[in-house]
């Protein structure tokens, strides 16, 4: 017997030929929103601070409006938070993921039966 089938759509948004947004960038935005810090977001994801900054810079290049507002450290400490545009991009992306999961779920049961040896067309 086969393990239960799971289907996980992976949505990637491209701007022209360049990759603009996907699951990793969405997770980084969520962590920045939750922590108020790029450094803390990176740590929470097990990612290097430099890698997080590389992703932040790629977002700045990909979108015409900023998704993140950053403030430098110092005595008062630095920070980062999502702009209204950043929150909307994240919301739209997560909504697309949810709708994609719903769409593919309609076929998951049939695929599971095929994996278990039930020929196509037999229910």
C-alpha atoms as a PDB file:
ATOM      1  CA  UNK A   1       0.000   0.000   0.000  1.00  0.00           C
ATOM      2  CA  UNK A   2       1.211   3.464  -0.847  1.00  0.00           C
ATOM      3  CA  UNK A   3       1.350   6.384   1.538  1.00  0.00           C
ATOM      4  CA  UNK A   4      -1.465   8.919   1.225  1.00  0.00           C
ATOM      5  CA  UNK A   5      -0.949  11.241  -1.682  1.00  0.00           C
ATOM      6  CA  UNK A   6      -0.270  14.907  -1.028  1.00  0.00           C
ATOM      7  CA  UNK A   7      -0.173  17.549  -3.716  1.00  0.00           C
ATOM      8  CA  UNK A   8       1.526  20.811  -2.891  1.00  0.00           C
ATOM      9  CA  UNK A   9       1.349  23.422  -5.625  1.00  0.00           C
ATOM     10  CA  UNK A  10       4.416  25.623  -5.754  1.00  0.00           C
ATOM     11  CA  UNK A  11       3.593  29.020  -7.207  1.00  0.00           C
ATOM     12  CA  UNK A  12       6.463  31.067  -8.590  1.00  0.00           C
ATOM     13  CA  UNK A  13       5.876  34.569  -9.878  1.00  0.00           C
ATOM     14  CA  UNK A  14       8.178  35.739 -12.640  1.00  0.00           C
ATOM     15  CA  UNK A  15       8.655  39.273 -13.917  1.00  0.00           C
ATOM     16  CA  UNK A  16       9.649  38.730 -17.510  1.00  0.00           C
ATOM     17  CA  UNK A  17      12.421  36.151 -17.380  1.00  0.00           C
ATOM     18  CA  UNK A  18      13.422  36.970 -13.809  1.00  0.00           C
ATOM     19  CA  UNK A  19      12.075  35.157 -10.748  1.00  0.00           C
ATOM     20  CA  UNK A  20      10.275  37.700  -8.568  1.00  0.00           C
ATOM     21  CA  UNK A  21       8.400  35.871  -5.805  1.00  0.00           C
ATOM     22  CA  UNK A  22       7.771  32.402  -4.449  1.00  0.00           C
ATOM     23  CA  UNK A  23       7.365  30.375  -1.264  1.00  0.00           C
ATOM     24  CA  UNK A  24      10.739  31.245   0.277  1.00  0.00           C
ATOM     25  CA  UNK A  25      10.326  34.967  -0.258  1.00  0.00           C
ATOM     26  CA  UNK A  26       6.784  34.780   1.097  1.00  0.00           C
ATOM     27  CA  UNK A  27       8.068  33.029   4.234  1.00  0.00           C
ATOM     28  CA  UNK A  28      10.759  35.660   4.698  1.00  0.00           C
ATOM     29  CA  UNK A  29       8.144  38.433   4.456  1.00  0.00           C
ATOM     30  CA  UNK A  30       5.978  36.636   7.020  1.00  0.00           C
ATOM     31  CA  UNK A  31       8.908  36.295   9.400  1.00  0.00           C
ATOM     32  CA  UNK A  32       9.875  39.949   8.969  1.00  0.00           C
ATOM     33  CA  UNK A  33       6.279  40.943   9.713  1.00  0.00           C
ATOM     34  CA  UNK A  34       6.266  38.740  12.816  1.00  0.00           C
ATOM     35  CA  UNK A  35       9.672  39.746  14.191  1.00  0.00           C
ATOM     36  CA  UNK A  36      10.144  43.312  12.963  1.00  0.00           C
ATOM     37  CA  UNK A  37      13.692  42.400  12.002  1.00  0.00           C
ATOM     38  CA  UNK A  38      15.480  40.996   8.978  1.00  0.00           C
ATOM     39  CA  UNK A  39      18.129  39.464  11.247  1.00  0.00           C
ATOM     40  CA  UNK A  40      15.546  37.787  13.494  1.00  0.00           C
ATOM     41  CA  UNK A  41      13.525  36.632  10.489  1.00  0.00           C
ATOM     42  CA  UNK A  42      16.627  35.019   8.995  1.00  0.00           C
ATOM     43  CA  UNK A  43      17.495  33.326  12.289  1.00  0.00           C
ATOM     44  CA  UNK A  44      13.946  31.995  12.671  1.00  0.00           C
ATOM     45  CA  UNK A  45      14.209  30.460   9.206  1.00  0.00           C
ATOM     46  CA  UNK A  46      17.680  29.010   9.750  1.00  0.00           C
ATOM     47  CA  UNK A  47      18.986  31.329   7.051  1.00  0.00           C
ATOM     48  CA  UNK A  48      22.087  33.486   7.096  1.00  0.00           C
ATOM     49  CA  UNK A  49      21.624  37.205   7.549  1.00  0.00           C
ATOM     50  CA  UNK A  50      23.468  37.793   4.252  1.00  0.00           C
ATOM     51  CA  UNK A  51      21.105  35.447   2.406  1.00  0.00           C
ATOM     52  CA  UNK A  52      18.100  37.284   3.850  1.00  0.00           C
ATOM     53  CA  UNK A  53      19.563  40.596   2.677  1.00  0.00           C
ATOM     54  CA  UNK A  54      20.153  39.141  -0.792  1.00  0.00           C
ATOM     55  CA  UNK A  55      16.485  38.186  -0.930  1.00  0.00           C
ATOM     56  CA  UNK A  56      15.399  41.619   0.333  1.00  0.00           C
ATOM     57  CA  UNK A  57      17.488  43.284  -2.398  1.00  0.00           C
ATOM     58  CA  UNK A  58      15.983  40.981  -5.030  1.00  0.00           C
ATOM     59  CA  UNK A  59      12.504  42.035  -3.877  1.00  0.00           C
ATOM     60  CA  UNK A  60      13.528  45.686  -4.149  1.00  0.00           C
ATOM     61  CA  UNK A  61      14.587  45.091  -7.759  1.00  0.00           C
ATOM     62  CA  UNK A  62      11.560  43.012  -8.728  1.00  0.00           C
ATOM     63  CA  UNK A  63       8.785  45.295  -7.472  1.00  0.00           C
ATOM     64  CA  UNK A  64       8.303  48.956  -8.393  1.00  0.00           C
ATOM     65  CA  UNK A  65       7.176  49.806  -4.849  1.00  0.00           C
ATOM     66  CA  UNK A  66       8.989  48.737  -1.680  1.00  0.00           C
ATOM     67  CA  UNK A  67       7.636  45.692   0.134  1.00  0.00           C
ATOM     68  CA  UNK A  68       9.780  46.292   3.224  1.00  0.00           C
ATOM     69  CA  UNK A  69      10.753  49.453   5.097  1.00  0.00           C
ATOM     70  CA  UNK A  70      14.067  49.158   6.907  1.00  0.00           C
ATOM     71  CA  UNK A  71      15.628  51.292   9.605  1.00  0.00           C
ATOM     72  CA  UNK A  72      19.273  51.109  10.611  1.00  0.00           C
ATOM     73  CA  UNK A  73      20.399  49.861  13.985  1.00  0.00           C
ATOM     74  CA  UNK A  74      22.063  51.980  16.604  1.00  0.00           C
ATOM     75  CA  UNK A  75      21.104  52.982  20.116  1.00  0.00           C
ATOM     76  CA  UNK A  76      17.416  52.574  19.376  1.00  0.00           C
ATOM     77  CA  UNK A  77      17.976  49.386  17.381  1.00  0.00           C
ATOM     78  CA  UNK A  78      17.027  48.825  13.790  1.00  0.00           C
ATOM     79  CA  UNK A  79      14.014  47.173  12.396  1.00  0.00           C
ATOM     80  CA  UNK A  80      11.992  46.240   9.368  1.00  0.00           C
ATOM     81  CA  UNK A  81       8.330  46.011   8.593  1.00  0.00           C
ATOM     82  CA  UNK A  82       6.143  45.365   5.591  1.00  0.00           C
ATOM     83  CA  UNK A  83       4.660  48.214   3.639  1.00  0.00           C
ATOM     84  CA  UNK A  84       1.010  48.151   2.620  1.00  0.00           C
ATOM     85  CA  UNK A  85       2.224  46.849  -0.750  1.00  0.00           C
ATOM     86  CA  UNK A  86       4.268  44.138   0.964  1.00  0.00           C
ATOM     87  CA  UNK A  87       1.282  43.005   2.991  1.00  0.00           C
ATOM     88  CA  UNK A  88      -0.897  42.966  -0.126  1.00  0.00           C
ATOM     89  CA  UNK A  89       1.642  40.997  -2.185  1.00  0.00           C
ATOM     90  CA  UNK A  90       1.918  38.450   0.624  1.00  0.00           C
ATOM     91  CA  UNK A  91      -1.873  38.234   1.038  1.00  0.00           C
ATOM     92  CA  UNK A  92      -2.426  37.758  -2.706  1.00  0.00           C
ATOM     93  CA  UNK A  93       0.306  35.144  -2.927  1.00  0.00           C
ATOM     94  CA  UNK A  94      -1.053  33.114   0.011  1.00  0.00           C
ATOM     95  CA  UNK A  95      -4.563  33.376  -1.460  1.00  0.00           C
ATOM     96  CA  UNK A  96      -3.299  32.018  -4.801  1.00  0.00           C
ATOM     97  CA  UNK A  97      -1.603  29.140  -2.975  1.00  0.00           C
ATOM     98  CA  UNK A  98      -4.821  28.288  -1.161  1.00  0.00           C
ATOM     99  CA  UNK A  99      -6.885  28.392  -4.323  1.00  0.00           C
ATOM    100  CA  UNK A 100      -4.341  26.240  -6.149  1.00  0.00           C
ATOM    101  CA  UNK A 101      -4.470  23.645  -3.340  1.00  0.00           C
ATOM    102  CA  UNK A 102      -8.266  23.587  -3.572  1.00  0.00           C
ATOM    103  CA  UNK A 103      -8.133  23.174  -7.351  1.00  0.00           C
ATOM    104  CA  UNK A 104      -5.741  20.222  -7.321  1.00  0.00           C
ATOM    105  CA  UNK A 105      -7.450  18.546  -4.368  1.00  0.00           C
ATOM    106  CA  UNK A 106     -10.371  17.633  -6.620  1.00  0.00           C
ATOM    107  CA  UNK A 107      -8.094  15.119  -8.409  1.00  0.00           C
ATOM    108  CA  UNK A 108      -6.025  13.879  -5.478  1.00  0.00           C
ATOM    109  CA  UNK A 109      -8.383  11.014  -4.620  1.00  0.00           C
ATOM    110  CA  UNK A 110      -8.324   9.657  -8.160  1.00  0.00           C
ATOM    111  CA  UNK A 111      -4.523   9.887  -8.310  1.00  0.00           C
ATOM    112  CA  UNK A 112      -4.335   8.010  -5.017  1.00  0.00           C
ATOM    113  CA  UNK A 113      -6.498   5.192  -6.451  1.00  0.00           C
ATOM    114  CA  UNK A 114      -4.248   4.948  -9.513  1.00  0.00           C
ATOM    115  CA  UNK A 115      -1.214   4.695  -7.241  1.00  0.00           C
ATOM    116  CA  UNK A 116      -2.936   1.859  -5.385  1.00  0.00           C
ATOM    117  CA  UNK A 117      -3.479  -0.033  -8.647  1.00  0.00           C
ATOM    118  CA  UNK A 118      -7.004   0.918  -9.607  1.00  0.00           C
ATOM    119  CA  UNK A 119      -6.972   1.393 -13.386  1.00  0.00           C
ATOM    120  CA  UNK A 120      -8.076   4.718 -14.863  1.00  0.00           C
ATOM    121  CA  UNK A 121     -11.833   4.965 -15.388  1.00  0.00           C
ATOM    122  CA  UNK A 122     -12.650   2.505 -12.565  1.00  0.00           C
ATOM    123  CA  UNK A 123     -14.047   3.980  -9.368  1.00  0.00           C
END
